[in-house]
Amino acid sequence: VLYELVKIRASQLNGCAFCINMHTKDLRDMGEAEKRIYLLDAWREATFYTEKEKAALELTETVTKISEKGVPDETYEKVRKHFNEKEFVALIILINTINSWNRIAISTRMTAK
């Protein structure tokens, strides 16, 4: 579930309709509550995401927009409270992978169906 939330959030930031559509369908198939899908772009204000999920979503936004300010120490420390070294590396790879797929989908004119 966490990985799908990350994929959707990065895709929202990148404006990739194809990926948003695909990953919201995947999350629904996993039985995720609709409100957690609908309010993902307002995760900071929503009360039903865990602290671990919030840390991962903050890192997702930071890495997706890395040219703006890098990864602040505060964000890094928040994430490391919830993820061990192996999990942290997997999360970084996931964020970079979905960002790459977003760019491929947008560049090749893939559309949501």
PDB file of N, CA and C in Angstrom:
ATOM      1  N   VAL A   1       0.833  -1.194   0.000  1.00  0.00           N
ATOM      2  CA  VAL A   1       0.000   0.000   0.000  1.00  0.00           C
ATOM      3  C   VAL A   1       0.870   1.248   0.000  1.00  0.00           C
ATOM      4  N   LEU A   2       1.888   1.254   0.854  1.00  0.00           N
ATOM      5  CA  LEU A   2       2.773   2.419   0.928  1.00  0.00           C
ATOM      6  C   LEU A   2       3.407   2.720  -0.424  1.00  0.00           C
ATOM      7  N   TYR A   3       3.883   1.689  -1.093  1.00  0.00           N
ATOM      8  CA  TYR A   3       4.529   1.895  -2.390  1.00  0.00           C
ATOM      9  C   TYR A   3       3.556   2.478  -3.419  1.00  0.00           C
ATOM     10  N   GLU A   4       2.318   2.039  -3.390  1.00  0.00           N
ATOM     11  CA  GLU A   4       1.328   2.584  -4.324  1.00  0.00           C
ATOM     12  C   GLU A   4       1.007   4.039  -3.998  1.00  0.00           C
ATOM     13  N   LEU A   5       0.940   4.377  -2.708  1.00  0.00           N
ATOM     14  CA  LEU A   5       0.723   5.772  -2.322  1.00  0.00           C
ATOM     15  C   LEU A   5       1.854   6.651  -2.853  1.00  0.00           C
ATOM     16  N   VAL A   6       3.071   6.160  -2.728  1.00  0.00           N
ATOM     17  CA  VAL A   6       4.238   6.897  -3.228  1.00  0.00           C
ATOM     18  C   VAL A   6       4.149   7.074  -4.741  1.00  0.00           C
ATOM     19  N   LYS A   7       3.796   6.015  -5.444  1.00  0.00           N
ATOM     20  CA  LYS A   7       3.702   6.096  -6.907  1.00  0.00           C
ATOM     21  C   LYS A   7       2.639   7.102  -7.338  1.00  0.00           C
ATOM     22  N   ILE A   8       1.511   7.094  -6.660  1.00  0.00           N
ATOM     23  CA  ILE A   8       0.447   8.028  -7.013  1.00  0.00           C
ATOM     24  C   ILE A   8       0.876   9.455  -6.717  1.00  0.00           C
ATOM     25  N   ARG A   9       1.480   9.684  -5.550  1.00  0.00           N
ATOM     26  CA  ARG A   9       1.855  11.055  -5.188  1.00  0.00           C
ATOM     27  C   ARG A   9       2.883  11.625  -6.156  1.00  0.00           C
ATOM     28  N   ALA A  10       3.891  10.858  -6.511  1.00  0.00           N
ATOM     29  CA  ALA A  10       4.881  11.336  -7.488  1.00  0.00           C
ATOM     30  C   ALA A  10       4.201  11.614  -8.824  1.00  0.00           C
ATOM     31  N   SER A  11       3.302  10.744  -9.217  1.00  0.00           N
ATOM     32  CA  SER A  11       2.595  10.911 -10.491  1.00  0.00           C
ATOM     33  C   SER A  11       1.706  12.148 -10.482  1.00  0.00           C
ATOM     34  N   GLN A  12       1.096  12.447  -9.328  1.00  0.00           N
ATOM     35  CA  GLN A  12       0.313  13.677  -9.209  1.00  0.00           C
ATOM     36  C   GLN A  12       1.210  14.894  -9.413  1.00  0.00           C
ATOM     37  N   LEU A  13       2.349  14.896  -8.757  1.00  0.00           N
ATOM     38  CA  LEU A  13       3.275  16.025  -8.860  1.00  0.00           C
ATOM     39  C   LEU A  13       3.780  16.207 -10.283  1.00  0.00           C
ATOM     40  N   ASN A  14       3.986  15.099 -10.981  1.00  0.00           N
ATOM     41  CA  ASN A  14       4.497  15.151 -12.348  1.00  0.00           C
ATOM     42  C   ASN A  14       3.399  15.315 -13.393  1.00  0.00           C
ATOM     43  N   GLY A  15       2.149  15.217 -12.990  1.00  0.00           N
ATOM     44  CA  GLY A  15       1.044  15.375 -13.941  1.00  0.00           C
ATOM     45  C   GLY A  15       0.908  14.209 -14.891  1.00  0.00           C
ATOM     46  N   CYS A  16       1.184  13.007 -14.420  1.00  0.00           N
ATOM     47  CA  CYS A  16       1.112  11.820 -15.273  1.00  0.00           C
ATOM     48  C   CYS A  16      -0.228  11.107 -15.077  1.00  0.00           C
ATOM     49  N   ALA A  17      -1.196  11.449 -15.910  1.00  0.00           N
ATOM     50  CA  ALA A  17      -2.543  10.882 -15.801  1.00  0.00           C
ATOM     51  C   ALA A  17      -2.533   9.362 -15.973  1.00  0.00           C
ATOM     52  N   PHE A  18      -1.722   8.877 -16.904  1.00  0.00           N
ATOM     53  CA  PHE A  18      -1.650   7.430 -17.142  1.00  0.00           C
ATOM     54  C   PHE A  18      -1.259   6.695 -15.856  1.00  0.00           C
ATOM     55  N   CYS A  19      -0.212   7.173 -15.195  1.00  0.00           N
ATOM     56  CA  CYS A  19       0.286   6.506 -13.987  1.00  0.00           C
ATOM     57  C   CYS A  19      -0.659   6.688 -12.794  1.00  0.00           C
ATOM     58  N   ILE A  20      -1.252   7.878 -12.667  1.00  0.00           N
ATOM     59  CA  ILE A  20      -2.222   8.098 -11.585  1.00  0.00           C
ATOM     60  C   ILE A  20      -3.371   7.104 -11.740  1.00  0.00           C
ATOM     61  N   ASN A  21      -3.886   6.991 -12.935  1.00  0.00           N
ATOM     62  CA  ASN A  21      -4.991   6.072 -13.208  1.00  0.00           C
ATOM     63  C   ASN A  21      -4.602   4.627 -12.893  1.00  0.00           C
ATOM     64  N   MET A  22      -3.451   4.193 -13.361  1.00  0.00           N
ATOM     65  CA  MET A  22      -3.009   2.816 -13.158  1.00  0.00           C
ATOM     66  C   MET A  22      -2.832   2.503 -11.672  1.00  0.00           C
ATOM     67  N   HIS A  23      -2.164   3.390 -10.954  1.00  0.00           N
ATOM     68  CA  HIS A  23      -1.837   3.086  -9.556  1.00  0.00           C
ATOM     69  C   HIS A  23      -3.023   3.278  -8.610  1.00  0.00           C
ATOM     70  N   THR A  24      -3.969   4.153  -8.960  1.00  0.00           N
ATOM     71  CA  THR A  24      -5.177   4.223  -8.132  1.00  0.00           C
ATOM     72  C   THR A  24      -6.018   2.955  -8.311  1.00  0.00           C
ATOM     73  N   LYS A  25      -6.054   2.435  -9.535  1.00  0.00           N
ATOM     74  CA  LYS A  25      -6.746   1.158  -9.753  1.00  0.00           C
ATOM     75  C   LYS A  25      -6.078   0.052  -8.943  1.00  0.00           C
ATOM     76  N   ASP A  26      -4.739   0.012  -8.956  1.00  0.00           N
ATOM     77  CA  ASP A  26      -4.002  -1.005  -8.193  1.00  0.00           C
ATOM     78  C   ASP A  26      -4.314  -0.897  -6.706  1.00  0.00           C
ATOM     79  N   LEU A  27      -4.360   0.318  -6.194  1.00  0.00           N
ATOM     80  CA  LEU A  27      -4.634   0.529  -4.774  1.00  0.00           C
ATOM     81  C   LEU A  27      -6.054   0.112  -4.414  1.00  0.00           C
ATOM     82  N   ARG A  28      -7.003   0.412  -5.284  1.00  0.00           N
ATOM     83  CA  ARG A  28      -8.383  -0.033  -5.052  1.00  0.00           C
ATOM     84  C   ARG A  28      -8.458  -1.554  -5.038  1.00  0.00           C
ATOM     85  N   ASP A  29      -7.749  -2.195  -5.962  1.00  0.00           N
ATOM     86  CA  ASP A  29      -7.742  -3.657  -6.015  1.00  0.00           C
ATOM     87  C   ASP A  29      -7.157  -4.262  -4.746  1.00  0.00           C
ATOM     88  N   MET A  30      -6.311  -3.495  -4.061  1.00  0.00           N
ATOM     89  CA  MET A  30      -5.726  -3.947  -2.795  1.00  0.00           C
ATOM     90  C   MET A  30      -6.673  -3.701  -1.623  1.00  0.00           C
ATOM     91  N   GLY A  31      -7.826  -3.082  -1.899  1.00  0.00           N
ATOM     92  CA  GLY A  31      -8.822  -2.840  -0.859  1.00  0.00           C
ATOM     93  C   GLY A  31      -8.625  -1.546  -0.092  1.00  0.00           C
ATOM     94  N   GLU A  32      -7.832  -0.633  -0.632  1.00  0.00           N
ATOM     95  CA  GLU A  32      -7.566   0.632   0.058  1.00  0.00           C
ATOM     96  C   GLU A  32      -8.823   1.490   0.132  1.00  0.00           C
ATOM     97  N   ALA A  33      -8.979   2.206   1.235  1.00  0.00           N
ATOM     98  CA  ALA A  33     -10.134   3.097   1.434  1.00  0.00           C
ATOM     99  C   ALA A  33     -10.085   4.240   0.417  1.00  0.00           C
ATOM    100  N   GLU A  34     -11.228   4.537  -0.143  1.00  0.00           N
ATOM    101  CA  GLU A  34     -11.322   5.588  -1.163  1.00  0.00           C
ATOM    102  C   GLU A  34     -10.806   6.928  -0.645  1.00  0.00           C
ATOM    103  N   LYS A  35     -11.108   7.261   0.605  1.00  0.00           N
ATOM    104  CA  LYS A  35     -10.691   8.566   1.119  1.00  0.00           C
ATOM    105  C   LYS A  35      -9.176   8.718   1.132  1.00  0.00           C
ATOM    106  N   ARG A  36      -8.463   7.619   1.319  1.00  0.00           N
ATOM    107  CA  ARG A  36      -6.997   7.689   1.324  1.00  0.00           C
ATOM    108  C   ARG A  36      -6.454   7.912  -0.084  1.00  0.00           C
ATOM    109  N   ILE A  37      -7.203   7.503  -1.079  1.00  0.00           N
ATOM    110  CA  ILE A  37      -6.817   7.758  -2.469  1.00  0.00           C
ATOM    111  C   ILE A  37      -7.188   9.196  -2.844  1.00  0.00           C
ATOM    112  N   TYR A  38      -8.423   9.588  -2.540  1.00  0.00           N
ATOM    113  CA  TYR A  38      -8.905  10.917  -2.934  1.00  0.00           C
ATOM    114  C   TYR A  38      -8.140  12.046  -2.277  1.00  0.00           C
ATOM    115  N   LEU A  39      -7.713  11.856  -1.052  1.00  0.00           N
ATOM    116  CA  LEU A  39      -7.080  12.950  -0.313  1.00  0.00           C
ATOM    117  C   LEU A  39      -5.561  12.878  -0.296  1.00  0.00           C
ATOM    118  N   LEU A  40      -5.002  12.064  -1.155  1.00  0.00           N
ATOM    119  CA  LEU A  40      -3.551  11.901  -1.161  1.00  0.00           C
ATOM    120  C   LEU A  40      -2.813  13.204  -1.436  1.00  0.00           C
ATOM    121  N   ASP A  41      -3.367  14.051  -2.276  1.00  0.00           N
ATOM    122  CA  ASP A  41      -2.680  15.316  -2.555  1.00  0.00           C
ATOM    123  C   ASP A  41      -2.771  16.306  -1.391  1.00  0.00           C
ATOM    124  N   ALA A  42      -3.551  15.971  -0.365  1.00  0.00           N
ATOM    125  CA  ALA A  42      -3.655  16.786   0.853  1.00  0.00           C
ATOM    126  C   ALA A  42      -3.245  15.960   2.074  1.00  0.00           C
ATOM    127  N   TRP A  43      -2.276  15.080   1.907  1.00  0.00           N
ATOM    128  CA  TRP A  43      -1.891  14.146   2.972  1.00  0.00           C
ATOM    129  C   TRP A  43      -1.450  14.840   4.250  1.00  0.00           C
ATOM    130  N   ARG A  44      -0.897  16.019   4.157  1.00  0.00           N
ATOM    131  CA  ARG A  44      -0.444  16.725   5.369  1.00  0.00           C
ATOM    132  C   ARG A  44      -1.616  17.067   6.290  1.00  0.00           C
ATOM    133  N   GLU A  45      -2.762  17.386   5.716  1.00  0.00           N
ATOM    134  CA  GLU A  45      -3.923  17.776   6.504  1.00  0.00           C
ATOM    135  C   GLU A  45      -4.802  16.585   6.896  1.00  0.00           C
ATOM    136  N   ALA A  46      -4.666  15.475   6.214  1.00  0.00           N
ATOM    137  CA  ALA A  46      -5.492  14.295   6.485  1.00  0.00           C
ATOM    138  C   ALA A  46      -4.964  13.569   7.727  1.00  0.00           C
ATOM    139  N   THR A  47      -5.880  13.060   8.517  1.00  0.00           N
ATOM    140  CA  THR A  47      -5.501  12.420   9.787  1.00  0.00           C
ATOM    141  C   THR A  47      -5.355  10.904   9.694  1.00  0.00           C
ATOM    142  N   PHE A  48      -5.619  10.334   8.549  1.00  0.00           N
ATOM    143  CA  PHE A  48      -5.638   8.877   8.459  1.00  0.00           C
ATOM    144  C   PHE A  48      -4.430   8.269   7.749  1.00  0.00           C
ATOM    145  N   TYR A  49      -3.376   9.046   7.546  1.00  0.00           N
ATOM    146  CA  TYR A  49      -2.107   8.493   7.070  1.00  0.00           C
ATOM    147  C   TYR A  49      -1.195   8.341   8.289  1.00  0.00           C
ATOM    148  N   THR A  50      -0.442   7.250   8.334  1.00  0.00           N
ATOM    149  CA  THR A  50       0.456   7.023   9.465  1.00  0.00           C
ATOM    150  C   THR A  50       1.659   7.959   9.382  1.00  0.00           C
ATOM    151  N   GLU A  51       2.379   8.080  10.468  1.00  0.00           N
ATOM    152  CA  GLU A  51       3.596   8.899  10.472  1.00  0.00           C
ATOM    153  C   GLU A  51       4.625   8.332   9.488  1.00  0.00           C
ATOM    154  N   LYS A  52       4.683   7.023   9.378  1.00  0.00           N
ATOM    155  CA  LYS A  52       5.598   6.395   8.415  1.00  0.00           C
ATOM    156  C   LYS A  52       5.194   6.751   6.988  1.00  0.00           C
ATOM    157  N   GLU A  53       3.906   6.679   6.690  1.00  0.00           N
ATOM    158  CA  GLU A  53       3.420   7.048   5.355  1.00  0.00           C
ATOM    159  C   GLU A  53       3.700   8.520   5.069  1.00  0.00           C
ATOM    160  N   LYS A  54       3.458   9.366   6.042  1.00  0.00           N
ATOM    161  CA  LYS A  54       3.708  10.800   5.870  1.00  0.00           C
ATOM    162  C   LYS A  54       5.184  11.075   5.601  1.00  0.00           C
ATOM    163  N   ALA A  55       6.057  10.372   6.303  1.00  0.00           N
ATOM    164  CA  ALA A  55       7.495  10.546   6.070  1.00  0.00           C
ATOM    165  C   ALA A  55       7.847  10.131   4.640  1.00  0.00           C
ATOM    166  N   ALA A  56       7.293   9.013   4.185  1.00  0.00           N
ATOM    167  CA  ALA A  56       7.562   8.536   2.825  1.00  0.00           C
ATOM    168  C   ALA A  56       6.999   9.501   1.782  1.00  0.00           C
ATOM    169  N   LEU A  57       5.829  10.050   2.037  1.00  0.00           N
ATOM    170  CA  LEU A  57       5.230  11.005   1.100  1.00  0.00           C
ATOM    171  C   LEU A  57       6.017  12.315   1.056  1.00  0.00           C
ATOM    172  N   GLU A  58       6.509  12.745   2.202  1.00  0.00           N
ATOM    173  CA  GLU A  58       7.347  13.949   2.223  1.00  0.00           C
ATOM    174  C   GLU A  58       8.631  13.723   1.430  1.00  0.00           C
ATOM    175  N   LEU A  59       9.245  12.561   1.605  1.00  0.00           N
ATOM    176  CA  LEU A  59      10.448  12.234   0.839  1.00  0.00           C
ATOM    177  C   LEU A  59      10.120  12.152  -0.655  1.00  0.00           C
ATOM    178  N   THR A  60       8.981  11.595  -0.987  1.00  0.00           N
ATOM    179  CA  THR A  60       8.552  11.504  -2.388  1.00  0.00           C
ATOM    180  C   THR A  60       8.475  12.885  -3.013  1.00  0.00           C
ATOM    181  N   GLU A  61       7.849  13.810  -2.321  1.00  0.00           N
ATOM    182  CA  GLU A  61       7.736  15.165  -2.846  1.00  0.00           C
ATOM    183  C   GLU A  61       9.106  15.824  -2.966  1.00  0.00           C
ATOM    184  N   THR A  62       9.941  15.630  -1.963  1.00  0.00           N
ATOM    185  CA  THR A  62      11.263  16.247  -1.960  1.00  0.00           C
ATOM    186  C   THR A  62      12.141  15.706  -3.083  1.00  0.00           C
ATOM    187  N   VAL A  63      12.149  14.400  -3.261  1.00  0.00           N
ATOM    188  CA  VAL A  63      12.977  13.797  -4.307  1.00  0.00           C
ATOM    189  C   VAL A  63      12.409  14.126  -5.688  1.00  0.00           C
ATOM    190  N   THR A  64      11.100  14.137  -5.822  1.00  0.00           N
ATOM    191  CA  THR A  64      10.482  14.475  -7.105  1.00  0.00           C
ATOM    192  C   THR A  64      10.832  15.900  -7.518  1.00  0.00           C
ATOM    193  N   LYS A  65      10.923  16.789  -6.537  1.00  0.00           N
ATOM    194  CA  LYS A  65      11.265  18.195  -6.809  1.00  0.00           C
ATOM    195  C   LYS A  65      12.683  18.513  -6.309  1.00  0.00           C
ATOM    196  N   ILE A  66      13.597  17.585  -6.434  1.00  0.00           N
ATOM    197  CA  ILE A  66      14.921  17.693  -5.823  1.00  0.00           C
ATOM    198  C   ILE A  66      15.703  18.928  -6.262  1.00  0.00           C
ATOM    199  N   SER A  67      15.441  19.435  -7.450  1.00  0.00           N
ATOM    200  CA  SER A  67      16.180  20.609  -7.923  1.00  0.00           C
ATOM    201  C   SER A  67      15.819  21.872  -7.138  1.00  0.00           C
ATOM    202  N   GLU A  68      14.698  21.864  -6.442  1.00  0.00           N
ATOM    203  CA  GLU A  68      14.269  23.046  -5.704  1.00  0.00           C
ATOM    204  C   GLU A  68      15.072  23.285  -4.429  1.00  0.00           C
ATOM    205  N   LYS A  69      15.348  22.220  -3.670  1.00  0.00           N
ATOM    206  CA  LYS A  69      16.069  22.415  -2.412  1.00  0.00           C
ATOM    207  C   LYS A  69      16.790  21.168  -1.907  1.00  0.00           C
ATOM    208  N   GLY A  70      16.992  20.206  -2.783  1.00  0.00           N
ATOM    209  CA  GLY A  70      17.655  18.980  -2.348  1.00  0.00           C
ATOM    210  C   GLY A  70      16.770  18.217  -1.376  1.00  0.00           C
ATOM    211  N   VAL A  71      17.396  17.446  -0.490  1.00  0.00           N
ATOM    212  CA  VAL A  71      16.672  16.739   0.568  1.00  0.00           C
ATOM    213  C   VAL A  71      17.117  17.352   1.897  1.00  0.00           C
ATOM    214  N   PRO A  72      16.256  18.157   2.509  1.00  0.00           N
ATOM    215  CA  PRO A  72      16.623  18.791   3.772  1.00  0.00           C
ATOM    216  C   PRO A  72      16.925  17.757   4.867  1.00  0.00           C
ATOM    217  N   ASP A  73      17.804  18.123   5.765  1.00  0.00           N
ATOM    218  CA  ASP A  73      18.159  17.233   6.882  1.00  0.00           C
ATOM    219  C   ASP A  73      16.923  16.798   7.659  1.00  0.00           C
ATOM    220  N   GLU A  74      16.001  17.709   7.875  1.00  0.00           N
ATOM    221  CA  GLU A  74      14.782  17.398   8.632  1.00  0.00           C
ATOM    222  C   GLU A  74      13.988  16.272   7.967  1.00  0.00           C
ATOM    223  N   THR A  75      13.866  16.336   6.655  1.00  0.00           N
ATOM    224  CA  THR A  75      13.145  15.285   5.918  1.00  0.00           C
ATOM    225  C   THR A  75      13.897  13.966   6.019  1.00  0.00           C
ATOM    226  N   TYR A  76      15.199  14.009   5.800  1.00  0.00           N
ATOM    227  CA  TYR A  76      16.025  12.796   5.884  1.00  0.00           C
ATOM    228  C   TYR A  76      15.876  12.139   7.259  1.00  0.00           C
ATOM    229  N   GLU A  77      15.982  12.931   8.315  1.00  0.00           N
ATOM    230  CA  GLU A  77      15.894  12.393   9.673  1.00  0.00           C
ATOM    231  C   GLU A  77      14.514  11.815   9.969  1.00  0.00           C
ATOM    232  N   LYS A  78      13.470  12.484   9.477  1.00  0.00           N
ATOM    233  CA  LYS A  78      12.102  11.997   9.660  1.00  0.00           C
ATOM    234  C   LYS A  78      11.933  10.619   9.019  1.00  0.00           C
ATOM    235  N   VAL A  79      12.434  10.490   7.801  1.00  0.00           N
ATOM    236  CA  VAL A  79      12.311   9.221   7.075  1.00  0.00           C
ATOM    237  C   VAL A  79      13.118   8.124   7.770  1.00  0.00           C
ATOM    238  N   ARG A  80      14.319   8.452   8.202  1.00  0.00           N
ATOM    239  CA  ARG A  80      15.183   7.444   8.816  1.00  0.00           C
ATOM    240  C   ARG A  80      14.658   6.948  10.160  1.00  0.00           C
ATOM    241  N   LYS A  81      13.762   7.687  10.786  1.00  0.00           N
ATOM    242  CA  LYS A  81      13.122   7.215  12.025  1.00  0.00           C
ATOM    243  C   LYS A  81      12.233   6.013  11.746  1.00  0.00           C
ATOM    244  N   HIS A  82      11.708   5.953  10.529  1.00  0.00           N
ATOM    245  CA  HIS A  82      10.715   4.932  10.183  1.00  0.00           C
ATOM    246  C   HIS A  82      11.235   3.836   9.256  1.00  0.00           C
ATOM    247  N   PHE A  83      12.387   4.071   8.616  1.00  0.00           N
ATOM    248  CA  PHE A  83      12.897   3.125   7.626  1.00  0.00           C
ATOM    249  C   PHE A  83      14.347   2.787   7.940  1.00  0.00           C
ATOM    250  N   ASN A  84      14.659   1.495   7.995  1.00  0.00           N
ATOM    251  CA  ASN A  84      16.056   1.102   8.170  1.00  0.00           C
ATOM    252  C   ASN A  84      16.806   1.338   6.858  1.00  0.00           C
ATOM    253  N   GLU A  85      18.085   1.070   6.847  1.00  0.00           N
ATOM    254  CA  GLU A  85      18.916   1.369   5.675  1.00  0.00           C
ATOM    255  C   GLU A  85      18.388   0.686   4.403  1.00  0.00           C
ATOM    256  N   LYS A  86      18.080  -0.583   4.502  1.00  0.00           N
ATOM    257  CA  LYS A  86      17.598  -1.341   3.340  1.00  0.00           C
ATOM    258  C   LYS A  86      16.258  -0.781   2.846  1.00  0.00           C
ATOM    259  N   GLU A  87      15.344  -0.497   3.766  1.00  0.00           N
ATOM    260  CA  GLU A  87      14.039   0.056   3.400  1.00  0.00           C
ATOM    261  C   GLU A  87      14.186   1.453   2.801  1.00  0.00           C
ATOM    262  N   PHE A  88      15.094   2.239   3.365  1.00  0.00           N
ATOM    263  CA  PHE A  88      15.334   3.594   2.866  1.00  0.00           C
ATOM    264  C   PHE A  88      15.834   3.561   1.424  1.00  0.00           C
ATOM    265  N   VAL A  89      16.787   2.705   1.154  1.00  0.00           N
ATOM    266  CA  VAL A  89      17.320   2.579  -0.203  1.00  0.00           C
ATOM    267  C   VAL A  89      16.221   2.110  -1.159  1.00  0.00           C
ATOM    268  N   ALA A  90      15.414   1.143  -0.730  1.00  0.00           N
ATOM    269  CA  ALA A  90      14.306   0.663  -1.570  1.00  0.00           C
ATOM    270  C   ALA A  90      13.314   1.793  -1.867  1.00  0.00           C
ATOM    271  N   LEU A  91      13.050   2.620  -0.873  1.00  0.00           N
ATOM    272  CA  LEU A  91      12.139   3.740  -1.057  1.00  0.00           C
ATOM    273  C   LEU A  91      12.703   4.756  -2.049  1.00  0.00           C
ATOM    274  N   ILE A  92      13.972   5.076  -1.927  1.00  0.00           N
ATOM    275  CA  ILE A  92      14.620   6.010  -2.862  1.00  0.00           C
ATOM    276  C   ILE A  92      14.581   5.452  -4.287  1.00  0.00           C
ATOM    277  N   ILE A  93      14.859   4.168  -4.430  1.00  0.00           N
ATOM    278  CA  ILE A  93      14.809   3.543  -5.760  1.00  0.00           C
ATOM    279  C   ILE A  93      13.390   3.588  -6.316  1.00  0.00           C
ATOM    280  N   LEU A  94      12.394   3.303  -5.480  1.00  0.00           N
ATOM    281  CA  LEU A  94      10.999   3.368  -5.907  1.00  0.00           C
ATOM    282  C   LEU A  94      10.639   4.769  -6.390  1.00  0.00           C
ATOM    283  N   ILE A  95      10.998   5.788  -5.616  1.00  0.00           N
ATOM    284  CA  ILE A  95      10.673   7.165  -5.982  1.00  0.00           C
ATOM    285  C   ILE A  95      11.327   7.535  -7.317  1.00  0.00           C
ATOM    286  N   ASN A  96      12.576   7.157  -7.475  1.00  0.00           N
ATOM    287  CA  ASN A  96      13.259   7.462  -8.734  1.00  0.00           C
ATOM    288  C   ASN A  96      12.672   6.681  -9.902  1.00  0.00           C
ATOM    289  N   THR A  97      12.277   5.454  -9.657  1.00  0.00           N
ATOM    290  CA  THR A  97      11.689   4.630 -10.714  1.00  0.00           C
ATOM    291  C   THR A  97      10.366   5.209 -11.195  1.00  0.00           C
ATOM    292  N   ILE A  98       9.477   5.576 -10.261  1.00  0.00           N
ATOM    293  CA  ILE A  98       8.188   6.112 -10.689  1.00  0.00           C
ATOM    294  C   ILE A  98       8.376   7.458 -11.382  1.00  0.00           C
ATOM    295  N   ASN A  99       9.331   8.245 -10.934  1.00  0.00           N
ATOM    296  CA  ASN A  99       9.601   9.506 -11.630  1.00  0.00           C
ATOM    297  C   ASN A  99      10.063   9.248 -13.061  1.00  0.00           C
ATOM    298  N   SER A 100      10.880   8.234 -13.256  1.00  0.00           N
ATOM    299  CA  SER A 100      11.317   7.877 -14.610  1.00  0.00           C
ATOM    300  C   SER A 100      10.140   7.404 -15.458  1.00  0.00           C
ATOM    301  N   TRP A 101       9.298   6.538 -14.888  1.00  0.00           N
ATOM    302  CA  TRP A 101       8.133   6.057 -15.626  1.00  0.00           C
ATOM    303  C   TRP A 101       7.190   7.196 -15.967  1.00  0.00           C
ATOM    304  N   ASN A 102       7.006   8.149 -15.039  1.00  0.00           N
ATOM    305  CA  ASN A 102       6.170   9.323 -15.342  1.00  0.00           C
ATOM    306  C   ASN A 102       6.700  10.049 -16.563  1.00  0.00           C
ATOM    307  N   ARG A 103       7.991  10.249 -16.608  1.00  0.00           N
ATOM    308  CA  ARG A 103       8.593  10.976 -17.716  1.00  0.00           C
ATOM    309  C   ARG A 103       8.472  10.207 -19.032  1.00  0.00           C
ATOM    310  N   ILE A 104       8.601   8.899 -18.953  1.00  0.00           N
ATOM    311  CA  ILE A 104       8.429   8.072 -20.153  1.00  0.00           C
ATOM    312  C   ILE A 104       6.973   8.149 -20.628  1.00  0.00           C
ATOM    313  N   ALA A 105       6.032   7.979 -19.710  1.00  0.00           N
ATOM    314  CA  ALA A 105       4.612   7.989 -20.084  1.00  0.00           C
ATOM    315  C   ALA A 105       4.195   9.332 -20.669  1.00  0.00           C
ATOM    316  N   ILE A 106       4.633  10.416 -20.036  1.00  0.00           N
ATOM    317  CA  ILE A 106       4.272  11.746 -20.533  1.00  0.00           C
ATOM    318  C   ILE A 106       4.934  12.009 -21.888  1.00  0.00           C
ATOM    319  N   SER A 107       6.194  11.676 -22.016  1.00  0.00           N
ATOM    320  CA  SER A 107       6.934  11.935 -23.266  1.00  0.00           C
ATOM    321  C   SER A 107       6.416  11.127 -24.448  1.00  0.00           C
ATOM    322  N   THR A 108       5.897   9.940 -24.176  1.00  0.00           N
ATOM    323  CA  THR A 108       5.416   9.086 -25.254  1.00  0.00           C
ATOM    324  C   THR A 108       3.898   9.181 -25.463  1.00  0.00           C
ATOM    325  N   ARG A 109       3.297  10.139 -24.781  1.00  0.00           N
ATOM    326  CA  ARG A 109       1.871  10.443 -24.943  1.00  0.00           C
ATOM    327  C   ARG A 109       0.943   9.301 -24.512  1.00  0.00           C
ATOM    328  N   MET A 110       1.359   8.549 -23.495  1.00  0.00           N
ATOM    329  CA  MET A 110       0.473   7.506 -22.950  1.00  0.00           C
ATOM    330  C   MET A 110      -0.706   8.199 -22.279  1.00  0.00           C
ATOM    331  N   THR A 111      -1.894   7.660 -22.460  1.00  0.00           N
ATOM    332  CA  THR A 111      -3.093   8.286 -21.912  1.00  0.00           C
ATOM    333  C   THR A 111      -3.831   7.336 -20.979  1.00  0.00           C
ATOM    334  N   ALA A 112      -4.545   7.914 -20.028  1.00  0.00           N
ATOM    335  CA  ALA A 112      -5.365   7.121 -19.113  1.00  0.00           C
ATOM    336  C   ALA A 112      -6.599   6.613 -19.863  1.00  0.00           C
ATOM    337  N   LYS A 113      -6.943   5.378 -19.627  1.00  0.00           N
ATOM    338  CA  LYS A 113      -8.111   4.796 -20.296  1.00  0.00           C
ATOM    339  C   LYS A 113      -9.074   4.256 -19.284  1.00  0.00           C
TER     340      LYS A 113
END
